[in-house]
């Protein structure tokens, strides 16, 4: 028996063949390219990649002008590790249907395999943009595009995307939260706070939003009592989240509860090894005048992230002054 996915592929092929006049050349017998295309799908479904490639090529030779056939052939060539040939087929797929999302998505996969990450990101961005034009109300596509912009550091583009998502789905807490984080990155603190608070109105147990807003208050040294409420709630909901415990421990340090800060940060460190937690523990131990421990934690932080000039200065100052402070 064939798997269910076979019949789904056949259905797609038939629909494309009969419903789209330009899919196959009009001067060829309809059954010829279609039969090869269907057989290629059968072989693909059975895992016979070599036979699938032969049938896709026969469908093209028989007169197919379908972007989908080139796309499927490219996917099979990738499976067969014929990457240069796959690249050529994807270029043809894009030429035949420049507004399609799938050829660019597969191109992104191909570039990732080749470790060409920048090109992969470009193709993925095009795929998402094309998909959003095809399905302009699909907020999940926009979220993926927004996440890509965040990864690229394109905050203005991310702001535009998440603002659009909020307009399409005003009761989506994640949309408000990510818009808030972007606004924070752009220095629009008041608007950032407004959006994250809106996310929490829609979902009071949204842990990421609880931690984000609480930690922002801590960093700015404002609304610390409210920060304590937010961070304690996040930790109660996810007690084994090292990042949330780090935020709470740093709040305790800011409030002058240094010993409690140390215990909380040590618990956070058991859950995740992170340069920020090590730095915080270094600062706490320095406050407690345990300079040996302070230096050790700062050095651990640098081992995980060597590009921290502020910590290097702390260690230099400690080395200069520790003799007179013991």
C-alpha atoms as a PDB file:
ATOM      1  CA  UNK A   1       0.000   0.000   0.000  1.00  0.00           C
ATOM      2  CA  UNK A   2       1.095   3.559  -0.659  1.00  0.00           C
ATOM      3  CA  UNK A   3       1.285   5.985   2.238  1.00  0.00           C
ATOM      4  CA  UNK A   4      -1.372   8.665   2.465  1.00  0.00           C
ATOM      5  CA  UNK A   5       1.143  11.308   1.443  1.00  0.00           C
ATOM      6  CA  UNK A   6       1.335   9.717  -2.021  1.00  0.00           C
ATOM      7  CA  UNK A   7      -2.306  10.422  -2.739  1.00  0.00           C
ATOM      8  CA  UNK A   8      -1.913  13.969  -1.455  1.00  0.00           C
ATOM      9  CA  UNK A   9       0.943  14.541  -3.904  1.00  0.00           C
ATOM     10  CA  UNK A  10      -1.042  13.018  -6.755  1.00  0.00           C
ATOM     11  CA  UNK A  11      -3.985  15.274  -5.948  1.00  0.00           C
ATOM     12  CA  UNK A  12      -1.744  18.319  -6.038  1.00  0.00           C
ATOM     13  CA  UNK A  13      -0.266  17.212  -9.322  1.00  0.00           C
ATOM     14  CA  UNK A  14      -3.655  16.640 -10.932  1.00  0.00           C
ATOM     15  CA  UNK A  15      -5.003  19.955  -9.711  1.00  0.00           C
ATOM     16  CA  UNK A  16      -2.008  21.832 -11.041  1.00  0.00           C
ATOM     17  CA  UNK A  17      -2.127  19.961 -14.308  1.00  0.00           C
ATOM     18  CA  UNK A  18      -5.763  20.501 -15.151  1.00  0.00           C
ATOM     19  CA  UNK A  19      -6.477  23.799 -13.391  1.00  0.00           C
ATOM     20  CA  UNK A  20      -3.457  25.809 -14.571  1.00  0.00           C
ATOM     21  CA  UNK A  21      -3.175  26.151 -18.377  1.00  0.00           C
ATOM     22  CA  UNK A  22       0.502  27.165 -18.305  1.00  0.00           C
ATOM     23  CA  UNK A  23       1.670  24.306 -16.125  1.00  0.00           C
ATOM     24  CA  UNK A  24       2.443  22.062 -19.097  1.00  0.00           C
ATOM     25  CA  UNK A  25       3.037  22.900 -22.752  1.00  0.00           C
ATOM     26  CA  UNK A  26      -0.164  22.827 -24.806  1.00  0.00           C
ATOM     27  CA  UNK A  27       1.410  21.133 -27.797  1.00  0.00           C
ATOM     28  CA  UNK A  28       2.198  17.923 -25.886  1.00  0.00           C
ATOM     29  CA  UNK A  29      -0.068  15.062 -24.972  1.00  0.00           C
ATOM     30  CA  UNK A  30      -1.394  15.741 -21.485  1.00  0.00           C
ATOM     31  CA  UNK A  31      -0.865  12.185 -20.279  1.00  0.00           C
ATOM     32  CA  UNK A  32       2.850  12.099 -21.085  1.00  0.00           C
ATOM     33  CA  UNK A  33       4.359  14.718 -18.732  1.00  0.00           C
ATOM     34  CA  UNK A  34       1.687  14.065 -16.138  1.00  0.00           C
ATOM     35  CA  UNK A  35       2.370  10.333 -16.044  1.00  0.00           C
ATOM     36  CA  UNK A  36       6.070  10.930 -15.520  1.00  0.00           C
ATOM     37  CA  UNK A  37       5.323  13.499 -12.849  1.00  0.00           C
ATOM     38  CA  UNK A  38       3.027  11.110 -10.971  1.00  0.00           C
ATOM     39  CA  UNK A  39       5.546   8.294 -11.208  1.00  0.00           C
ATOM     40  CA  UNK A  40       8.240  10.612  -9.879  1.00  0.00           C
ATOM     41  CA  UNK A  41       6.040  11.347  -6.870  1.00  0.00           C
ATOM     42  CA  UNK A  42       5.467   7.611  -6.375  1.00  0.00           C
ATOM     43  CA  UNK A  43       9.214   6.949  -6.356  1.00  0.00           C
ATOM     44  CA  UNK A  44       9.807   9.935  -4.065  1.00  0.00           C
ATOM     45  CA  UNK A  45       7.217   8.586  -1.666  1.00  0.00           C
ATOM     46  CA  UNK A  46       8.831   5.155  -1.707  1.00  0.00           C
ATOM     47  CA  UNK A  47      12.291   6.642  -1.070  1.00  0.00           C
ATOM     48  CA  UNK A  48      13.670   5.697  -4.497  1.00  0.00           C
ATOM     49  CA  UNK A  49      15.385   9.023  -5.142  1.00  0.00           C
ATOM     50  CA  UNK A  50      17.291   7.988  -8.274  1.00  0.00           C
ATOM     51  CA  UNK A  51      14.123   6.810 -10.030  1.00  0.00           C
ATOM     52  CA  UNK A  52      12.268   9.928  -8.911  1.00  0.00           C
ATOM     53  CA  UNK A  53      14.949  12.149 -10.432  1.00  0.00           C
ATOM     54  CA  UNK A  54      14.726  10.267 -13.745  1.00  0.00           C
ATOM     55  CA  UNK A  55      10.946  10.659 -13.857  1.00  0.00           C
ATOM     56  CA  UNK A  56      11.020  14.361 -12.991  1.00  0.00           C
ATOM     57  CA  UNK A  57      13.512  14.888 -15.812  1.00  0.00           C
ATOM     58  CA  UNK A  58      11.298  12.916 -18.210  1.00  0.00           C
ATOM     59  CA  UNK A  59       8.315  15.073 -17.225  1.00  0.00           C
ATOM     60  CA  UNK A  60      10.348  18.180 -18.053  1.00  0.00           C
ATOM     61  CA  UNK A  61      11.581  16.714 -21.327  1.00  0.00           C
ATOM     62  CA  UNK A  62       8.023  15.775 -22.261  1.00  0.00           C
ATOM     63  CA  UNK A  63       6.976  19.400 -22.133  1.00  0.00           C
ATOM     64  CA  UNK A  64       6.396  20.439 -18.540  1.00  0.00           C
ATOM     65  CA  UNK A  65       6.684  24.170 -17.903  1.00  0.00           C
ATOM     66  CA  UNK A  66       5.905  23.785 -14.214  1.00  0.00           C
ATOM     67  CA  UNK A  67       7.833  25.501 -11.443  1.00  0.00           C
ATOM     68  CA  UNK A  68       6.625  22.709  -9.162  1.00  0.00           C
ATOM     69  CA  UNK A  69       8.364  19.999 -11.219  1.00  0.00           C
ATOM     70  CA  UNK A  70      11.665  21.889 -11.109  1.00  0.00           C
ATOM     71  CA  UNK A  71      11.163  22.425  -7.374  1.00  0.00           C
ATOM     72  CA  UNK A  72      10.493  18.738  -6.670  1.00  0.00           C
ATOM     73  CA  UNK A  73      13.417  17.735  -8.847  1.00  0.00           C
ATOM     74  CA  UNK A  74      15.647  20.129  -6.879  1.00  0.00           C
ATOM     75  CA  UNK A  75      14.471  18.604  -3.608  1.00  0.00           C
ATOM     76  CA  UNK A  76      15.301  15.113  -4.867  1.00  0.00           C
ATOM     77  CA  UNK A  77      18.704  16.279  -6.080  1.00  0.00           C
ATOM     78  CA  UNK A  78      19.422  17.702  -2.639  1.00  0.00           C
ATOM     79  CA  UNK A  79      18.571  14.326  -1.110  1.00  0.00           C
ATOM     80  CA  UNK A  80      21.025  12.775  -3.592  1.00  0.00           C
ATOM     81  CA  UNK A  81      23.695  15.347  -2.640  1.00  0.00           C
ATOM     82  CA  UNK A  82      23.757  16.780  -6.169  1.00  0.00           C
ATOM     83  CA  UNK A  83      23.750  20.321  -4.854  1.00  0.00           C
ATOM     84  CA  UNK A  84      24.943  22.236  -7.931  1.00  0.00           C
ATOM     85  CA  UNK A  85      22.286  20.601 -10.094  1.00  0.00           C
ATOM     86  CA  UNK A  86      19.685  21.352  -7.416  1.00  0.00           C
ATOM     87  CA  UNK A  87      20.734  25.019  -7.478  1.00  0.00           C
ATOM     88  CA  UNK A  88      20.119  25.152 -11.253  1.00  0.00           C
ATOM     89  CA  UNK A  89      16.649  23.613 -10.892  1.00  0.00           C
ATOM     90  CA  UNK A  90      15.709  26.059  -8.133  1.00  0.00           C
ATOM     91  CA  UNK A  91      16.772  28.968 -10.332  1.00  0.00           C
ATOM     92  CA  UNK A  92      14.452  27.667 -13.059  1.00  0.00           C
ATOM     93  CA  UNK A  93      11.619  27.233 -10.543  1.00  0.00           C
ATOM     94  CA  UNK A  94      11.988  30.853  -9.438  1.00  0.00           C
ATOM     95  CA  UNK A  95      12.134  32.057 -13.058  1.00  0.00           C
ATOM     96  CA  UNK A  96       8.859  30.278 -13.872  1.00  0.00           C
ATOM     97  CA  UNK A  97       7.074  31.456 -10.720  1.00  0.00           C
ATOM     98  CA  UNK A  98       8.915  34.407  -9.121  1.00  0.00           C
ATOM     99  CA  UNK A  99       6.106  35.065  -6.636  1.00  0.00           C
ATOM    100  CA  UNK A 100       6.164  31.546  -5.152  1.00  0.00           C
ATOM    101  CA  UNK A 101       7.504  31.005  -1.642  1.00  0.00           C
ATOM    102  CA  UNK A 102       8.558  27.365  -1.838  1.00  0.00           C
ATOM    103  CA  UNK A 103      11.555  27.641  -4.222  1.00  0.00           C
ATOM    104  CA  UNK A 104      13.135  30.258  -1.981  1.00  0.00           C
ATOM    105  CA  UNK A 105      12.444  28.183   1.132  1.00  0.00           C
ATOM    106  CA  UNK A 106      14.164  25.164  -0.429  1.00  0.00           C
ATOM    107  CA  UNK A 107      17.006  27.436  -1.574  1.00  0.00           C
ATOM    108  CA  UNK A 108      17.459  28.484   2.039  1.00  0.00           C
ATOM    109  CA  UNK A 109      17.778  24.819   3.041  1.00  0.00           C
ATOM    110  CA  UNK A 110      20.306  24.234   0.257  1.00  0.00           C
ATOM    111  CA  UNK A 111      22.426  27.193   1.362  1.00  0.00           C
ATOM    112  CA  UNK A 112      22.305  26.008   4.966  1.00  0.00           C
ATOM    113  CA  UNK A 113      23.610  22.621   3.863  1.00  0.00           C
ATOM    114  CA  UNK A 114      26.433  24.443   2.071  1.00  0.00           C
ATOM    115  CA  UNK A 115      27.045  26.548   5.199  1.00  0.00           C
ATOM    116  CA  UNK A 116      26.244  29.747   3.309  1.00  0.00           C
ATOM    117  CA  UNK A 117      24.245  31.207   6.162  1.00  0.00           C
ATOM    118  CA  UNK A 118      23.911  34.752   4.836  1.00  0.00           C
ATOM    119  CA  UNK A 119      22.501  33.541   1.516  1.00  0.00           C
ATOM    120  CA  UNK A 120      20.192  31.163   3.379  1.00  0.00           C
ATOM    121  CA  UNK A 121      18.843  34.065   5.411  1.00  0.00           C
ATOM    122  CA  UNK A 122      18.249  36.129   2.264  1.00  0.00           C
ATOM    123  CA  UNK A 123      16.317  33.295   0.617  1.00  0.00           C
ATOM    124  CA  UNK A 124      14.269  32.663   3.744  1.00  0.00           C
ATOM    125  CA  UNK A 125      13.362  36.346   3.899  1.00  0.00           C
ATOM    126  CA  UNK A 126      12.184  36.310   0.264  1.00  0.00           C
ATOM    127  CA  UNK A 127      10.188  33.134   0.920  1.00  0.00           C
ATOM    128  CA  UNK A 128       8.410  34.721   3.875  1.00  0.00           C
ATOM    129  CA  UNK A 129       7.705  37.944   1.991  1.00  0.00           C
ATOM    130  CA  UNK A 130       6.236  36.001  -0.925  1.00  0.00           C
ATOM    131  CA  UNK A 131       4.194  33.845   1.451  1.00  0.00           C
ATOM    132  CA  UNK A 132       2.826  36.940   3.184  1.00  0.00           C
ATOM    133  CA  UNK A 133       1.671  38.337  -0.172  1.00  0.00           C
ATOM    134  CA  UNK A 134      -0.080  35.063  -0.973  1.00  0.00           C
ATOM    135  CA  UNK A 135      -1.670  34.829   2.505  1.00  0.00           C
ATOM    136  CA  UNK A 136      -1.850  38.447   3.739  1.00  0.00           C
ATOM    137  CA  UNK A 137      -3.947  37.533   6.798  1.00  0.00           C
ATOM    138  CA  UNK A 138      -1.678  34.724   8.026  1.00  0.00           C
ATOM    139  CA  UNK A 139      -0.022  36.190  11.106  1.00  0.00           C
ATOM    140  CA  UNK A 140       2.187  33.119  11.609  1.00  0.00           C
ATOM    141  CA  UNK A 141       4.073  33.968   8.418  1.00  0.00           C
ATOM    142  CA  UNK A 142       4.593  37.528   9.644  1.00  0.00           C
ATOM    143  CA  UNK A 143       5.810  36.211  13.004  1.00  0.00           C
ATOM    144  CA  UNK A 144       8.444  34.109  11.253  1.00  0.00           C
ATOM    145  CA  UNK A 145       9.529  37.146   9.249  1.00  0.00           C
ATOM    146  CA  UNK A 146       9.627  39.241  12.408  1.00  0.00           C
ATOM    147  CA  UNK A 147      11.763  36.641  14.169  1.00  0.00           C
ATOM    148  CA  UNK A 148      14.142  36.649  11.193  1.00  0.00           C
ATOM    149  CA  UNK A 149      14.483  40.439  11.371  1.00  0.00           C
ATOM    150  CA  UNK A 150      15.197  40.211  15.102  1.00  0.00           C
ATOM    151  CA  UNK A 151      17.921  37.652  14.448  1.00  0.00           C
ATOM    152  CA  UNK A 152      19.399  39.945  11.791  1.00  0.00           C
ATOM    153  CA  UNK A 153      19.204  42.959  14.090  1.00  0.00           C
ATOM    154  CA  UNK A 154      16.870  44.777  11.671  1.00  0.00           C
ATOM    155  CA  UNK A 155      14.833  46.419  14.406  1.00  0.00           C
ATOM    156  CA  UNK A 156      12.984  48.950  12.265  1.00  0.00           C
ATOM    157  CA  UNK A 157      11.814  46.232   9.874  1.00  0.00           C
ATOM    158  CA  UNK A 158      10.845  44.090  12.881  1.00  0.00           C
ATOM    159  CA  UNK A 159       8.867  47.001  14.350  1.00  0.00           C
ATOM    160  CA  UNK A 160       6.898  47.351  11.104  1.00  0.00           C
ATOM    161  CA  UNK A 161       6.141  43.615  10.966  1.00  0.00           C
ATOM    162  CA  UNK A 162       5.049  43.275  14.607  1.00  0.00           C
ATOM    163  CA  UNK A 163       2.966  46.466  14.344  1.00  0.00           C
ATOM    164  CA  UNK A 164       1.194  44.838  11.396  1.00  0.00           C
ATOM    165  CA  UNK A 165       0.630  41.640  13.381  1.00  0.00           C
ATOM    166  CA  UNK A 166      -0.861  43.640  16.260  1.00  0.00           C
ATOM    167  CA  UNK A 167      -3.230  45.358  13.828  1.00  0.00           C
ATOM    168  CA  UNK A 168      -4.305  41.971  12.409  1.00  0.00           C
ATOM    169  CA  UNK A 169      -4.476  40.180  15.781  1.00  0.00           C
ATOM    170  CA  UNK A 170      -4.926  42.791  18.526  1.00  0.00           C
ATOM    171  CA  UNK A 171      -5.599  40.131  21.173  1.00  0.00           C
ATOM    172  CA  UNK A 172      -2.431  38.142  20.487  1.00  0.00           C
ATOM    173  CA  UNK A 173      -0.214  38.564  23.579  1.00  0.00           C
ATOM    174  CA  UNK A 174       2.915  37.339  21.766  1.00  0.00           C
ATOM    175  CA  UNK A 175       2.506  40.016  19.101  1.00  0.00           C
ATOM    176  CA  UNK A 176       2.367  42.752  21.737  1.00  0.00           C
ATOM    177  CA  UNK A 177       5.284  41.242  23.643  1.00  0.00           C
ATOM    178  CA  UNK A 178       7.629  41.035  20.671  1.00  0.00           C
ATOM    179  CA  UNK A 179       6.625  44.476  19.488  1.00  0.00           C
ATOM    180  CA  UNK A 180       7.527  45.668  22.983  1.00  0.00           C
ATOM    181  CA  UNK A 181      10.952  44.040  22.895  1.00  0.00           C
ATOM    182  CA  UNK A 182      11.663  45.632  19.513  1.00  0.00           C
ATOM    183  CA  UNK A 183      10.571  49.056  20.760  1.00  0.00           C
ATOM    184  CA  UNK A 184      12.885  48.618  23.743  1.00  0.00           C
ATOM    185  CA  UNK A 185      15.772  47.885  21.389  1.00  0.00           C
ATOM    186  CA  UNK A 186      14.931  51.081  19.498  1.00  0.00           C
ATOM    187  CA  UNK A 187      15.020  53.102  22.702  1.00  0.00           C
ATOM    188  CA  UNK A 188      11.257  53.717  22.743  1.00  0.00           C
ATOM    189  CA  UNK A 189      10.954  52.760  26.408  1.00  0.00           C
ATOM    190  CA  UNK A 190       7.503  54.179  27.110  1.00  0.00           C
ATOM    191  CA  UNK A 191       5.940  52.414  24.121  1.00  0.00           C
ATOM    192  CA  UNK A 192       7.867  49.260  25.003  1.00  0.00           C
ATOM    193  CA  UNK A 193       6.399  49.191  28.508  1.00  0.00           C
ATOM    194  CA  UNK A 194       2.913  49.816  27.145  1.00  0.00           C
ATOM    195  CA  UNK A 195       3.088  46.862  24.739  1.00  0.00           C
ATOM    196  CA  UNK A 196       4.534  44.409  27.263  1.00  0.00           C
ATOM    197  CA  UNK A 197       1.903  45.430  29.818  1.00  0.00           C
ATOM    198  CA  UNK A 198      -0.765  44.843  27.166  1.00  0.00           C
ATOM    199  CA  UNK A 199       0.660  41.345  26.604  1.00  0.00           C
ATOM    200  CA  UNK A 200       0.305  40.686  30.343  1.00  0.00           C
ATOM    201  CA  UNK A 201      -3.257  42.023  30.365  1.00  0.00           C
ATOM    202  CA  UNK A 202      -4.113  39.479  27.696  1.00  0.00           C
ATOM    203  CA  UNK A 203      -2.130  36.691  29.389  1.00  0.00           C
ATOM    204  CA  UNK A 204      -1.195  37.320  33.058  1.00  0.00           C
ATOM    205  CA  UNK A 205       0.886  34.109  33.086  1.00  0.00           C
ATOM    206  CA  UNK A 206       3.032  35.057  30.097  1.00  0.00           C
ATOM    207  CA  UNK A 207       6.374  34.221  31.732  1.00  0.00           C
ATOM    208  CA  UNK A 208       8.600  35.813  29.115  1.00  0.00           C
ATOM    209  CA  UNK A 209       6.730  39.087  29.466  1.00  0.00           C
ATOM    210  CA  UNK A 210       6.820  38.909  33.271  1.00  0.00           C
ATOM    211  CA  UNK A 211      10.568  38.371  33.238  1.00  0.00           C
ATOM    212  CA  UNK A 212      11.259  40.932  30.520  1.00  0.00           C
ATOM    213  CA  UNK A 213       9.352  43.770  32.161  1.00  0.00           C
ATOM    214  CA  UNK A 214      10.610  42.903  35.634  1.00  0.00           C
ATOM    215  CA  UNK A 215      14.233  42.781  34.480  1.00  0.00           C
ATOM    216  CA  UNK A 216      13.854  46.047  32.540  1.00  0.00           C
ATOM    217  CA  UNK A 217      12.720  47.711  35.769  1.00  0.00           C
ATOM    218  CA  UNK A 218      15.734  46.237  37.575  1.00  0.00           C
ATOM    219  CA  UNK A 219      18.172  47.457  34.923  1.00  0.00           C
ATOM    220  CA  UNK A 220      16.688  50.940  35.098  1.00  0.00           C
ATOM    221  CA  UNK A 221      16.548  50.793  38.905  1.00  0.00           C
ATOM    222  CA  UNK A 222      12.889  51.804  38.942  1.00  0.00           C
ATOM    223  CA  UNK A 223       9.598  50.258  40.083  1.00  0.00           C
ATOM    224  CA  UNK A 224      11.585  47.645  42.012  1.00  0.00           C
ATOM    225  CA  UNK A 225       8.630  46.510  44.126  1.00  0.00           C
ATOM    226  CA  UNK A 226       6.610  45.910  40.981  1.00  0.00           C
ATOM    227  CA  UNK A 227       9.633  44.154  39.493  1.00  0.00           C
ATOM    228  CA  UNK A 228       9.704  41.841  42.520  1.00  0.00           C
ATOM    229  CA  UNK A 229       6.039  40.967  42.026  1.00  0.00           C
ATOM    230  CA  UNK A 230       6.549  40.259  38.309  1.00  0.00           C
ATOM    231  CA  UNK A 231       9.713  38.208  38.745  1.00  0.00           C
ATOM    232  CA  UNK A 232       8.396  36.184  41.673  1.00  0.00           C
ATOM    233  CA  UNK A 233       5.364  35.302  39.567  1.00  0.00           C
ATOM    234  CA  UNK A 234       7.574  34.211  36.668  1.00  0.00           C
ATOM    235  CA  UNK A 235       9.672  32.023  38.991  1.00  0.00           C
ATOM    236  CA  UNK A 236       6.578  30.487  40.602  1.00  0.00           C
ATOM    237  CA  UNK A 237       5.277  29.561  37.165  1.00  0.00           C
ATOM    238  CA  UNK A 238       8.664  28.231  35.959  1.00  0.00           C
ATOM    239  CA  UNK A 239      10.800  27.469  39.032  1.00  0.00           C
ATOM    240  CA  UNK A 240      13.514  25.732  37.010  1.00  0.00           C
ATOM    241  CA  UNK A 241      14.115  28.585  34.601  1.00  0.00           C
ATOM    242  CA  UNK A 242      17.661  29.819  35.211  1.00  0.00           C
ATOM    243  CA  UNK A 243      17.121  33.105  33.366  1.00  0.00           C
ATOM    244  CA  UNK A 244      14.163  34.048  35.565  1.00  0.00           C
ATOM    245  CA  UNK A 245      16.095  33.156  38.723  1.00  0.00           C
ATOM    246  CA  UNK A 246      18.991  35.296  37.517  1.00  0.00           C
ATOM    247  CA  UNK A 247      16.628  38.260  37.082  1.00  0.00           C
ATOM    248  CA  UNK A 248      15.215  37.729  40.572  1.00  0.00           C
ATOM    249  CA  UNK A 249      18.669  37.325  42.101  1.00  0.00           C
ATOM    250  CA  UNK A 250      19.857  40.541  40.484  1.00  0.00           C
ATOM    251  CA  UNK A 251      16.769  42.309  41.837  1.00  0.00           C
ATOM    252  CA  UNK A 252      17.647  41.146  45.363  1.00  0.00           C
ATOM    253  CA  UNK A 253      21.144  42.557  44.851  1.00  0.00           C
ATOM    254  CA  UNK A 254      19.671  45.906  43.797  1.00  0.00           C
ATOM    255  CA  UNK A 255      17.439  45.868  46.900  1.00  0.00           C
ATOM    256  CA  UNK A 256      20.459  45.255  49.140  1.00  0.00           C
ATOM    257  CA  UNK A 257      19.513  41.658  49.983  1.00  0.00           C
ATOM    258  CA  UNK A 258      22.982  40.471  49.049  1.00  0.00           C
ATOM    259  CA  UNK A 259      22.995  37.048  50.731  1.00  0.00           C
ATOM    260  CA  UNK A 260      19.594  36.184  49.294  1.00  0.00           C
ATOM    261  CA  UNK A 261      20.837  37.382  45.903  1.00  0.00           C
ATOM    262  CA  UNK A 262      23.805  35.018  46.160  1.00  0.00           C
ATOM    263  CA  UNK A 263      21.646  31.998  46.994  1.00  0.00           C
ATOM    264  CA  UNK A 264      19.232  32.768  44.154  1.00  0.00           C
ATOM    265  CA  UNK A 265      21.989  33.319  41.595  1.00  0.00           C
ATOM    266  CA  UNK A 266      23.771  30.119  42.650  1.00  0.00           C
ATOM    267  CA  UNK A 267      20.536  28.240  42.025  1.00  0.00           C
ATOM    268  CA  UNK A 268      20.265  29.917  38.614  1.00  0.00           C
ATOM    269  CA  UNK A 269      23.813  28.831  37.801  1.00  0.00           C
ATOM    270  CA  UNK A 270      22.965  25.207  38.560  1.00  0.00           C
ATOM    271  CA  UNK A 271      20.279  25.413  35.892  1.00  0.00           C
ATOM    272  CA  UNK A 272      22.218  27.211  33.167  1.00  0.00           C
ATOM    273  CA  UNK A 273      25.804  28.276  32.520  1.00  0.00           C
ATOM    274  CA  UNK A 274      25.557  31.834  31.308  1.00  0.00           C
ATOM    275  CA  UNK A 275      28.103  34.680  31.266  1.00  0.00           C
ATOM    276  CA  UNK A 276      25.586  37.131  32.756  1.00  0.00           C
ATOM    277  CA  UNK A 277      24.911  34.886  35.751  1.00  0.00           C
ATOM    278  CA  UNK A 278      28.644  34.473  36.341  1.00  0.00           C
ATOM    279  CA  UNK A 279      29.093  38.251  36.184  1.00  0.00           C
ATOM    280  CA  UNK A 280      26.235  38.819  38.609  1.00  0.00           C
ATOM    281  CA  UNK A 281      27.705  36.303  41.039  1.00  0.00           C
ATOM    282  CA  UNK A 282      31.062  38.024  40.729  1.00  0.00           C
ATOM    283  CA  UNK A 283      29.472  41.354  41.627  1.00  0.00           C
ATOM    284  CA  UNK A 284      27.596  39.838  44.553  1.00  0.00           C
ATOM    285  CA  UNK A 285      30.712  38.199  45.975  1.00  0.00           C
ATOM    286  CA  UNK A 286      32.668  41.417  45.533  1.00  0.00           C
ATOM    287  CA  UNK A 287      29.963  43.184  47.563  1.00  0.00           C
ATOM    288  CA  UNK A 288      30.365  40.479  50.224  1.00  0.00           C
ATOM    289  CA  UNK A 289      34.146  41.100  50.135  1.00  0.00           C
ATOM    290  CA  UNK A 290      34.852  37.559  48.942  1.00  0.00           C
ATOM    291  CA  UNK A 291      37.318  38.773  46.341  1.00  0.00           C
ATOM    292  CA  UNK A 292      38.662  35.337  45.421  1.00  0.00           C
ATOM    293  CA  UNK A 293      35.191  34.138  44.495  1.00  0.00           C
ATOM    294  CA  UNK A 294      34.393  37.409  42.732  1.00  0.00           C
ATOM    295  CA  UNK A 295      37.438  37.109  40.498  1.00  0.00           C
ATOM    296  CA  UNK A 296      36.739  33.445  39.798  1.00  0.00           C
ATOM    297  CA  UNK A 297      33.165  34.154  38.655  1.00  0.00           C
ATOM    298  CA  UNK A 298      34.223  37.086  36.483  1.00  0.00           C
ATOM    299  CA  UNK A 299      36.873  34.929  34.843  1.00  0.00           C
ATOM    300  CA  UNK A 300      34.266  32.226  34.205  1.00  0.00           C
ATOM    301  CA  UNK A 301      32.105  34.845  32.513  1.00  0.00           C
ATOM    302  CA  UNK A 302      34.995  35.849  30.265  1.00  0.00           C
ATOM    303  CA  UNK A 303      35.620  32.206  29.348  1.00  0.00           C
ATOM    304  CA  UNK A 304      32.088  32.080  27.921  1.00  0.00           C
ATOM    305  CA  UNK A 305      32.232  35.530  26.326  1.00  0.00           C
ATOM    306  CA  UNK A 306      35.658  37.107  25.935  1.00  0.00           C
ATOM    307  CA  UNK A 307      34.281  40.373  24.506  1.00  0.00           C
ATOM    308  CA  UNK A 308      33.339  41.948  27.835  1.00  0.00           C
ATOM    309  CA  UNK A 309      35.547  44.955  28.472  1.00  0.00           C
ATOM    310  CA  UNK A 310      33.563  45.944  31.558  1.00  0.00           C
ATOM    311  CA  UNK A 311      34.456  42.669  33.290  1.00  0.00           C
ATOM    312  CA  UNK A 312      38.090  42.963  32.272  1.00  0.00           C
ATOM    313  CA  UNK A 313      38.130  46.370  33.992  1.00  0.00           C
ATOM    314  CA  UNK A 314      36.567  44.868  37.124  1.00  0.00           C
ATOM    315  CA  UNK A 315      39.303  42.231  37.280  1.00  0.00           C
ATOM    316  CA  UNK A 316      42.028  44.832  36.649  1.00  0.00           C
ATOM    317  CA  UNK A 317      40.661  47.042  39.432  1.00  0.00           C
ATOM    318  CA  UNK A 318      40.416  44.070  41.752  1.00  0.00           C
ATOM    319  CA  UNK A 319      44.022  43.087  41.056  1.00  0.00           C
ATOM    320  CA  UNK A 320      45.171  46.635  41.778  1.00  0.00           C
ATOM    321  CA  UNK A 321      43.141  47.155  44.941  1.00  0.00           C
ATOM    322  CA  UNK A 322      42.651  43.743  46.504  1.00  0.00           C
ATOM    323  CA  UNK A 323      45.782  43.994  48.602  1.00  0.00           C
ATOM    324  CA  UNK A 324      44.516  47.083  50.393  1.00  0.00           C
ATOM    325  CA  UNK A 325      40.945  45.839  50.752  1.00  0.00           C
ATOM    326  CA  UNK A 326      41.570  42.422  52.330  1.00  0.00           C
END
